[in-house]
Amino acid sequence: QVQLVESGGGLVQAGGSLRVSCTASGSAFSINPMGWYRQAPGKQRELVASISTGYNANYADAVKGRFTISRDKNTLNLQMNSLKPEDTAVYYCHAGVRRYSYESQYDSWGQGTQVTVSS
């Protein structure tokens, strides 16, 4: 089974930058796509950015031009610049995992990491 472990996050002032990372461990036929979601208090979890092998990255409108997602093998990074208070949320790493070529893909989630942007 694939496990996702996030790191990074923390507290930053508005306009600052943070980087969160996620490392996937365990064996699988494929781990694709990978992405970041976030959930603010009282709100639904939403897609922040995702990246698929061979495809361009996909960003939520709210973070376009400020956030950059990148992937190096099974490590996923999210560089967050020009942070705003409304970016405050728990950020979750997500991966679509296929254990074997003949199996269906399932969703794997990290435990989440808090990002807090103060005004």
N, C-alpha and C. Protein backbone atom coordinates (compact mmCIF):
# COMPACT_ATOMS: atom_id res chain seq x y z
N GLN A 1 0.84 -1.18 0.00
CA GLN A 1 0.00 0.00 0.00
C GLN A 1 0.88 1.24 0.00
N VAL A 2 0.47 2.23 -0.75
CA VAL A 2 1.24 3.46 -0.85
C VAL A 2 0.84 4.40 0.26
N GLN A 3 1.84 4.95 0.94
CA GLN A 3 1.60 5.95 1.98
C GLN A 3 2.17 7.29 1.55
N LEU A 4 1.45 8.33 1.88
CA LEU A 4 1.87 9.69 1.55
C LEU A 4 2.20 10.42 2.84
N VAL A 5 3.39 11.01 2.88
CA VAL A 5 3.83 11.74 4.07
C VAL A 5 4.17 13.16 3.66
N GLU A 6 3.48 14.11 4.27
CA GLU A 6 3.69 15.52 3.95
C GLU A 6 4.68 16.15 4.92
N SER A 7 5.31 17.19 4.48
CA SER A 7 6.19 17.99 5.32
C SER A 7 6.12 19.43 4.85
N GLY A 8 6.61 20.32 5.70
CA GLY A 8 6.55 21.73 5.38
C GLY A 8 5.31 22.35 5.97
N GLY A 9 4.89 23.45 5.43
CA GLY A 9 3.77 24.18 5.99
C GLY A 9 4.23 25.03 7.16
N GLY A 10 3.26 25.58 7.89
CA GLY A 10 3.60 26.42 9.04
C GLY A 10 2.88 27.74 8.98
N LEU A 11 3.46 28.72 9.66
CA LEU A 11 2.86 30.05 9.78
C LEU A 11 3.71 31.06 9.03
N VAL A 12 3.06 31.89 8.25
CA VAL A 12 3.77 32.92 7.48
C VAL A 12 2.89 34.15 7.38
N GLN A 13 3.52 35.29 7.22
CA GLN A 13 2.76 36.52 7.03
C GLN A 13 2.28 36.63 5.59
N ALA A 14 1.23 37.37 5.40
CA ALA A 14 0.71 37.60 4.06
C ALA A 14 1.81 38.17 3.17
N GLY A 15 1.87 37.66 1.95
CA GLY A 15 2.91 38.06 1.02
C GLY A 15 4.13 37.17 1.05
N GLY A 16 4.22 36.32 2.04
CA GLY A 16 5.36 35.44 2.19
C GLY A 16 5.23 34.17 1.37
N SER A 17 6.18 33.28 1.57
CA SER A 17 6.24 32.03 0.81
C SER A 17 6.40 30.84 1.74
N LEU A 18 5.88 29.72 1.30
CA LEU A 18 6.05 28.44 1.98
C LEU A 18 6.14 27.35 0.92
N ARG A 19 6.74 26.24 1.34
CA ARG A 19 6.84 25.09 0.46
C ARG A 19 6.38 23.87 1.25
N VAL A 20 5.48 23.11 0.65
CA VAL A 20 5.07 21.84 1.24
C VAL A 20 5.49 20.72 0.30
N SER A 21 5.87 19.61 0.89
CA SER A 21 6.33 18.47 0.12
C SER A 21 5.59 17.21 0.55
N CYS A 22 5.57 16.25 -0.33
CA CYS A 22 4.89 14.98 -0.07
C CYS A 22 5.71 13.86 -0.70
N THR A 23 5.99 12.84 0.09
CA THR A 23 6.74 11.70 -0.43
C THR A 23 5.87 10.45 -0.37
N ALA A 24 5.80 9.79 -1.50
CA ALA A 24 5.03 8.54 -1.58
C ALA A 24 5.97 7.36 -1.36
N SER A 25 5.59 6.48 -0.46
CA SER A 25 6.39 5.29 -0.21
C SER A 25 5.53 4.05 -0.40
N GLY A 26 6.20 2.96 -0.76
CA GLY A 26 5.47 1.73 -1.02
C GLY A 26 5.50 1.41 -2.50
N SER A 27 5.14 0.22 -2.86
CA SER A 27 5.23 -0.21 -4.25
C SER A 27 3.86 -0.13 -4.92
N ALA A 28 3.90 0.20 -6.18
CA ALA A 28 2.67 0.28 -6.98
C ALA A 28 3.03 0.23 -8.45
N PHE A 29 2.08 -0.19 -9.25
CA PHE A 29 2.29 -0.17 -10.70
C PHE A 29 2.40 1.26 -11.19
N SER A 30 1.55 2.13 -10.65
CA SER A 30 1.62 3.54 -11.03
C SER A 30 1.10 4.42 -9.90
N ILE A 31 1.68 5.56 -9.78
CA ILE A 31 1.23 6.58 -8.84
C ILE A 31 1.06 7.85 -9.67
N ASN A 32 -0.17 8.05 -10.12
CA ASN A 32 -0.44 9.13 -11.06
C ASN A 32 -1.93 9.31 -11.25
N PRO A 33 -2.45 10.50 -11.13
CA PRO A 33 -1.76 11.75 -10.89
C PRO A 33 -1.43 11.95 -9.41
N MET A 34 -0.75 13.03 -9.13
CA MET A 34 -0.53 13.49 -7.77
C MET A 34 -0.98 14.94 -7.69
N GLY A 35 -1.41 15.33 -6.50
CA GLY A 35 -1.89 16.68 -6.38
C GLY A 35 -2.02 17.14 -4.94
N TRP A 36 -2.37 18.39 -4.80
CA TRP A 36 -2.61 19.00 -3.49
C TRP A 36 -4.04 19.49 -3.41
N TYR A 37 -4.67 19.19 -2.30
CA TYR A 37 -5.99 19.71 -1.98
C TYR A 37 -5.85 20.49 -0.67
N ARG A 38 -6.85 21.31 -0.39
CA ARG A 38 -6.85 22.02 0.88
C ARG A 38 -8.26 22.11 1.42
N GLN A 39 -8.32 22.23 2.74
CA GLN A 39 -9.62 22.35 3.40
C GLN A 39 -9.50 23.37 4.51
N ALA A 40 -10.26 24.43 4.36
CA ALA A 40 -10.32 25.48 5.38
C ALA A 40 -11.46 25.15 6.34
N PRO A 41 -11.42 25.69 7.55
CA PRO A 41 -12.48 25.42 8.52
C PRO A 41 -13.86 25.77 7.96
N GLY A 42 -14.77 24.84 8.08
CA GLY A 42 -16.13 25.08 7.63
C GLY A 42 -16.34 25.00 6.13
N LYS A 43 -15.30 24.63 5.40
CA LYS A 43 -15.40 24.55 3.94
C LYS A 43 -15.09 23.15 3.45
N GLN A 44 -15.50 22.88 2.23
CA GLN A 44 -15.21 21.59 1.63
C GLN A 44 -13.76 21.53 1.14
N ARG A 45 -13.26 20.33 1.06
CA ARG A 45 -11.92 20.14 0.51
C ARG A 45 -11.94 20.50 -0.97
N GLU A 46 -10.93 21.23 -1.41
CA GLU A 46 -10.88 21.68 -2.80
C GLU A 46 -9.52 21.40 -3.41
N LEU A 47 -9.52 21.21 -4.71
CA LEU A 47 -8.29 20.99 -5.44
C LEU A 47 -7.49 22.28 -5.51
N VAL A 48 -6.21 22.20 -5.21
CA VAL A 48 -5.31 23.34 -5.35
C VAL A 48 -4.52 23.21 -6.66
N ALA A 49 -3.89 22.08 -6.84
CA ALA A 49 -3.10 21.85 -8.04
C ALA A 49 -2.86 20.36 -8.20
N SER A 50 -2.72 19.92 -9.44
CA SER A 50 -2.43 18.53 -9.70
C SER A 50 -1.49 18.42 -10.88
N ILE A 51 -0.82 17.30 -10.97
CA ILE A 51 0.12 17.08 -12.05
C ILE A 51 0.08 15.62 -12.45
N SER A 52 0.05 15.39 -13.74
CA SER A 52 0.01 14.03 -14.28
C SER A 52 1.21 13.82 -15.19
N THR A 53 1.72 12.62 -15.19
CA THR A 53 2.85 12.29 -16.04
C THR A 53 2.51 12.55 -17.50
N GLY A 54 3.32 13.35 -18.14
CA GLY A 54 3.11 13.63 -19.55
C GLY A 54 2.12 14.75 -19.82
N TYR A 55 1.57 15.36 -18.77
CA TYR A 55 0.60 16.43 -18.95
C TYR A 55 1.04 17.67 -18.17
N ASN A 56 0.50 18.80 -18.55
CA ASN A 56 0.78 20.03 -17.82
C ASN A 56 0.10 20.01 -16.46
N ALA A 57 0.59 20.83 -15.59
CA ALA A 57 -0.02 20.96 -14.28
C ALA A 57 -1.35 21.69 -14.40
N ASN A 58 -2.21 21.43 -13.45
CA ASN A 58 -3.54 22.04 -13.41
C ASN A 58 -3.67 22.78 -12.09
N TYR A 59 -4.13 24.04 -12.14
CA TYR A 59 -4.22 24.87 -10.94
C TYR A 59 -5.64 25.40 -10.75
N ALA A 60 -6.02 25.56 -9.50
CA ALA A 60 -7.24 26.28 -9.19
C ALA A 60 -7.04 27.75 -9.54
N ASP A 61 -8.10 28.39 -9.98
CA ASP A 61 -8.01 29.80 -10.37
C ASP A 61 -7.44 30.66 -9.25
N ALA A 62 -7.79 30.32 -8.01
CA ALA A 62 -7.40 31.14 -6.87
C ALA A 62 -5.89 31.15 -6.63
N VAL A 63 -5.17 30.18 -7.18
CA VAL A 63 -3.74 30.09 -6.91
C VAL A 63 -2.88 30.25 -8.16
N LYS A 64 -3.51 30.37 -9.31
CA LYS A 64 -2.74 30.52 -10.55
C LYS A 64 -1.82 31.73 -10.48
N GLY A 65 -0.57 31.52 -10.90
CA GLY A 65 0.40 32.59 -10.89
C GLY A 65 1.12 32.76 -9.57
N ARG A 66 0.63 32.09 -8.52
CA ARG A 66 1.26 32.21 -7.20
C ARG A 66 1.85 30.88 -6.73
N PHE A 67 1.20 29.79 -7.06
CA PHE A 67 1.64 28.47 -6.63
C PHE A 67 2.23 27.71 -7.80
N THR A 68 3.22 26.89 -7.51
CA THR A 68 3.83 26.04 -8.53
C THR A 68 3.95 24.62 -7.99
N ILE A 69 3.39 23.68 -8.72
CA ILE A 69 3.48 22.27 -8.35
C ILE A 69 4.57 21.62 -9.18
N SER A 70 5.31 20.72 -8.55
CA SER A 70 6.34 20.00 -9.28
C SER A 70 6.46 18.60 -8.70
N ARG A 71 6.99 17.71 -9.52
CA ARG A 71 7.13 16.32 -9.09
C ARG A 71 8.48 15.79 -9.54
N ASP A 72 9.14 15.11 -8.62
CA ASP A 72 10.40 14.44 -8.92
C ASP A 72 10.25 13.02 -8.44
N LYS A 73 10.03 12.12 -9.38
CA LYS A 73 9.74 10.71 -9.07
C LYS A 73 8.53 10.65 -8.14
N ASN A 74 8.70 10.20 -6.93
CA ASN A 74 7.56 10.07 -6.02
C ASN A 74 7.54 11.15 -4.95
N THR A 75 8.18 12.26 -5.21
CA THR A 75 8.11 13.41 -4.32
C THR A 75 7.38 14.54 -5.02
N LEU A 76 6.38 15.05 -4.34
CA LEU A 76 5.55 16.12 -4.88
C LEU A 76 5.79 17.37 -4.05
N ASN A 77 5.98 18.48 -4.73
CA ASN A 77 6.22 19.75 -4.06
C ASN A 77 5.18 20.79 -4.47
N LEU A 78 4.91 21.68 -3.57
CA LEU A 78 4.05 22.82 -3.87
C LEU A 78 4.73 24.07 -3.31
N GLN A 79 5.21 24.90 -4.21
CA GLN A 79 5.81 26.17 -3.82
C GLN A 79 4.72 27.22 -3.82
N MET A 80 4.52 27.85 -2.69
CA MET A 80 3.45 28.82 -2.53
C MET A 80 4.05 30.20 -2.28
N ASN A 81 3.83 31.11 -3.21
CA ASN A 81 4.34 32.47 -3.10
C ASN A 81 3.17 33.45 -2.99
N SER A 82 3.48 34.65 -2.55
CA SER A 82 2.47 35.71 -2.41
C SER A 82 1.25 35.19 -1.67
N LEU A 83 1.49 34.55 -0.55
CA LEU A 83 0.40 33.93 0.20
C LEU A 83 -0.55 34.97 0.76
N LYS A 84 -1.82 34.56 0.81
CA LYS A 84 -2.89 35.41 1.31
C LYS A 84 -3.56 34.74 2.50
N PRO A 85 -4.19 35.51 3.37
CA PRO A 85 -4.89 34.89 4.51
C PRO A 85 -5.90 33.83 4.07
N GLU A 86 -6.50 34.02 2.92
CA GLU A 86 -7.48 33.05 2.44
C GLU A 86 -6.85 31.74 1.98
N ASP A 87 -5.54 31.67 1.95
CA ASP A 87 -4.86 30.41 1.65
C ASP A 87 -4.73 29.54 2.89
N THR A 88 -5.10 30.07 4.03
CA THR A 88 -5.03 29.31 5.28
C THR A 88 -5.93 28.08 5.21
N ALA A 89 -5.33 26.93 5.45
CA ALA A 89 -6.08 25.66 5.36
C ALA A 89 -5.15 24.52 5.74
N VAL A 90 -5.74 23.35 5.87
CA VAL A 90 -4.95 22.13 5.94
C VAL A 90 -4.75 21.65 4.52
N TYR A 91 -3.51 21.42 4.16
CA TYR A 91 -3.17 20.99 2.80
C TYR A 91 -2.91 19.48 2.80
N TYR A 92 -3.60 18.81 1.89
CA TYR A 92 -3.52 17.36 1.80
C TYR A 92 -2.88 16.94 0.48
N CYS A 93 -1.98 16.00 0.57
CA CYS A 93 -1.40 15.39 -0.62
C CYS A 93 -2.31 14.25 -1.08
N HIS A 94 -2.48 14.15 -2.38
CA HIS A 94 -3.32 13.10 -2.96
C HIS A 94 -2.56 12.39 -4.08
N ALA A 95 -2.82 11.11 -4.21
CA ALA A 95 -2.26 10.35 -5.33
C ALA A 95 -3.27 9.33 -5.82
N GLY A 96 -3.33 9.18 -7.12
CA GLY A 96 -4.08 8.10 -7.71
C GLY A 96 -3.15 6.90 -7.83
N VAL A 97 -3.50 5.80 -7.20
CA VAL A 97 -2.60 4.66 -7.11
C VAL A 97 -3.22 3.45 -7.79
N ARG A 98 -2.40 2.81 -8.57
CA ARG A 98 -2.79 1.53 -9.17
C ARG A 98 -1.76 0.50 -8.74
N ARG A 99 -2.17 -0.44 -7.91
CA ARG A 99 -1.23 -1.43 -7.38
C ARG A 99 -0.68 -2.34 -8.48
N TYR A 100 -1.56 -2.78 -9.34
CA TYR A 100 -1.18 -3.64 -10.45
C TYR A 100 -1.83 -3.12 -11.71
N SER A 101 -1.30 -3.46 -12.85
CA SER A 101 -1.81 -2.92 -14.11
C SER A 101 -3.26 -3.30 -14.35
N TYR A 102 -3.67 -4.42 -13.79
CA TYR A 102 -5.02 -4.91 -14.05
C TYR A 102 -6.03 -4.44 -12.99
N GLU A 103 -5.57 -3.70 -11.99
CA GLU A 103 -6.47 -3.24 -10.94
C GLU A 103 -6.92 -1.80 -11.20
N SER A 104 -8.04 -1.47 -10.59
CA SER A 104 -8.54 -0.11 -10.69
C SER A 104 -7.71 0.82 -9.81
N GLN A 105 -7.75 2.07 -10.17
CA GLN A 105 -7.02 3.07 -9.40
C GLN A 105 -7.78 3.39 -8.12
N TYR A 106 -7.05 3.63 -7.04
CA TYR A 106 -7.69 4.09 -5.81
C TYR A 106 -6.99 5.37 -5.34
N ASP A 107 -7.68 6.07 -4.45
CA ASP A 107 -7.17 7.33 -3.94
C ASP A 107 -6.39 7.11 -2.65
N SER A 108 -5.22 7.72 -2.58
CA SER A 108 -4.44 7.72 -1.36
C SER A 108 -4.27 9.16 -0.89
N TRP A 109 -4.38 9.37 0.42
CA TRP A 109 -4.30 10.72 0.99
C TRP A 109 -3.24 10.77 2.08
N GLY A 110 -2.58 11.91 2.18
CA GLY A 110 -1.70 12.16 3.30
C GLY A 110 -2.50 12.61 4.51
N GLN A 111 -1.78 12.81 5.61
CA GLN A 111 -2.46 13.17 6.86
C GLN A 111 -2.79 14.66 6.94
N GLY A 112 -2.20 15.44 6.05
CA GLY A 112 -2.47 16.88 6.03
C GLY A 112 -1.42 17.67 6.78
N THR A 113 -1.19 18.87 6.31
CA THR A 113 -0.26 19.78 6.98
C THR A 113 -0.88 21.17 7.01
N GLN A 114 -0.76 21.84 8.15
CA GLN A 114 -1.42 23.13 8.33
C GLN A 114 -0.59 24.25 7.71
N VAL A 115 -1.27 25.08 6.96
CA VAL A 115 -0.67 26.32 6.44
C VAL A 115 -1.52 27.47 6.96
N THR A 116 -0.89 28.38 7.67
CA THR A 116 -1.59 29.53 8.24
C THR A 116 -0.92 30.81 7.75
N VAL A 117 -1.72 31.68 7.16
CA VAL A 117 -1.22 32.95 6.65
C VAL A 117 -1.86 34.06 7.46
N SER A 118 -1.03 34.82 8.14
CA SER A 118 -1.54 35.91 8.97
C SER A 118 -1.57 37.21 8.18
N SER A 119 -2.53 38.04 8.51
CA SER A 119 -2.68 39.32 7.79
C SER A 119 -1.87 40.43 8.43
